[in-house]
Amino acid sequence: MGTLIISAAAILVVMGFSNHVLWLAAVALLFLYVRYGRTGGGSTGGTSAASAPGASSGGASGSGGRTDSTYRAYRARRDRQAQWERRYRRERPMEARRQERQK
């Protein structure tokens, strides 16, 4: 997805040599990608679990070195991770057993 956005912005910049409105479109595209595309949401303020820092659900990939700013955000992330792991084991019992044997 990121590669597609970057290449679209590059194409808009190249085409923008004759039309400067395309330069503005490229800047707007990159701004929207940085603002909403990579993080998956808008602002990170607030106290709810959905908008807490580090609250994006990463599936079964773990925290990835991220630190949570509050204990509540840490608990919410940990609970979501445990929920995903239980779901994975329930939906794929053979794969879960194979992974347990490898540990």
Protein backbone atom coordinates (compact mmCIF):
# COMPACT_ATOMS: atom_id res chain seq x y z
CA MET A 1 0.00 0.00 0.00
CA GLY A 2 2.78 2.41 0.89
CA THR A 3 4.65 1.71 -2.32
CA LEU A 4 1.51 2.40 -4.32
CA ILE A 5 0.96 5.74 -2.57
CA ILE A 6 4.61 6.78 -3.01
CA SER A 7 4.61 5.86 -6.70
CA ALA A 8 1.31 7.72 -7.25
CA ALA A 9 2.81 10.79 -5.59
CA ALA A 10 5.92 10.52 -7.77
CA ILE A 11 3.76 10.29 -10.91
CA LEU A 12 1.78 13.35 -9.80
CA VAL A 13 5.03 15.28 -9.24
CA VAL A 14 6.36 14.35 -12.69
CA MET A 15 3.06 15.30 -14.32
CA GLY A 16 3.02 18.45 -12.20
CA PHE A 17 5.77 20.13 -14.21
CA SER A 18 3.08 21.35 -16.57
CA ASN A 19 0.26 21.72 -14.04
CA HIS A 20 1.07 22.90 -10.52
CA VAL A 21 -2.27 21.70 -9.15
CA LEU A 22 -0.91 18.16 -9.47
CA TRP A 23 1.95 19.13 -7.13
CA LEU A 24 -0.63 20.10 -4.55
CA ALA A 25 -2.44 16.81 -5.11
CA ALA A 26 0.81 14.91 -4.52
CA VAL A 27 1.46 16.82 -1.29
CA ALA A 28 -2.11 16.19 -0.14
CA LEU A 29 -1.80 12.50 -0.96
CA LEU A 30 1.42 12.16 1.02
CA PHE A 31 -0.04 14.12 3.93
CA LEU A 32 -3.10 11.88 4.08
CA TYR A 33 -0.94 8.77 3.88
CA VAL A 34 1.31 9.90 6.72
CA ARG A 35 -1.61 11.10 8.81
CA TYR A 36 -4.06 8.22 8.35
CA GLY A 37 -2.51 5.49 6.20
CA ARG A 38 0.32 4.15 8.33
CA THR A 39 -1.26 4.44 11.77
CA GLY A 40 -4.74 3.37 10.77
CA GLY A 41 -6.48 6.22 12.57
CA GLY A 42 -6.58 9.87 13.40
CA SER A 43 -5.39 11.39 16.65
CA THR A 44 -4.01 9.30 19.49
CA GLY A 45 -5.43 11.39 22.31
CA GLY A 46 -8.14 10.30 24.72
CA THR A 47 -8.53 7.67 27.39
CA SER A 48 -10.56 4.97 25.66
CA ALA A 49 -8.86 1.75 24.61
CA ALA A 50 -9.64 2.40 20.94
CA SER A 51 -7.79 5.70 20.88
CA ALA A 52 -5.02 4.97 23.37
CA PRO A 53 -1.43 5.17 22.11
CA GLY A 54 -0.35 1.83 20.75
CA ALA A 55 -3.93 0.61 20.50
CA SER A 56 -3.87 -0.52 16.89
CA SER A 57 -4.49 -4.23 16.71
CA GLY A 58 -1.48 -5.93 15.23
CA GLY A 59 -2.90 -9.43 15.15
CA ALA A 60 -0.55 -12.10 16.45
CA SER A 61 2.60 -10.14 15.64
CA GLY A 62 3.34 -8.87 19.16
CA SER A 63 4.14 -5.38 20.31
CA GLY A 64 7.06 -4.79 17.96
CA GLY A 65 9.09 -2.85 20.56
CA ARG A 66 6.33 -0.37 21.24
CA THR A 67 5.91 1.05 24.73
CA ASP A 68 2.53 2.00 26.13
CA SER A 69 2.17 5.35 27.85
CA THR A 70 -0.27 4.16 30.50
CA TYR A 71 -0.92 0.94 32.31
CA ARG A 72 -4.49 0.95 30.98
CA ALA A 73 -3.19 1.04 27.39
CA TYR A 74 -0.78 -1.79 28.20
CA ARG A 75 -3.60 -3.91 29.67
CA ALA A 76 -5.87 -3.22 26.70
CA ARG A 77 -3.14 -4.21 24.25
CA ARG A 78 -2.25 -7.32 26.24
CA ASP A 79 -5.90 -8.39 26.48
CA ARG A 80 -6.39 -7.90 22.73
CA GLN A 81 -3.26 -9.95 22.04
CA ALA A 82 -4.49 -12.79 24.27
CA GLN A 83 -7.88 -12.68 22.55
CA TRP A 84 -6.24 -12.99 19.12
CA GLU A 85 -4.08 -15.87 20.33
CA ARG A 86 -7.08 -17.75 21.73
CA ARG A 87 -8.97 -17.21 18.49
CA TYR A 88 -6.00 -18.43 16.45
CA ARG A 89 -5.73 -21.61 18.54
CA ARG A 90 -9.47 -22.22 18.29
CA GLU A 91 -9.61 -21.74 14.50
CA ARG A 92 -6.34 -23.51 13.65
CA PRO A 93 -5.75 -26.29 16.20
CA MET A 94 -3.31 -28.29 14.06
CA GLU A 95 -1.12 -25.26 13.34
CA ALA A 96 -1.18 -24.24 17.02
CA ARG A 97 -0.04 -27.73 18.09
CA ARG A 98 2.75 -27.71 15.49
CA GLN A 99 3.98 -24.35 16.77
CA GLU A 100 3.92 -25.60 20.37
CA ARG A 101 6.09 -28.58 19.40
CA GLN A 102 8.68 -26.28 17.82
CA LYS A 103 9.15 -24.20 20.97
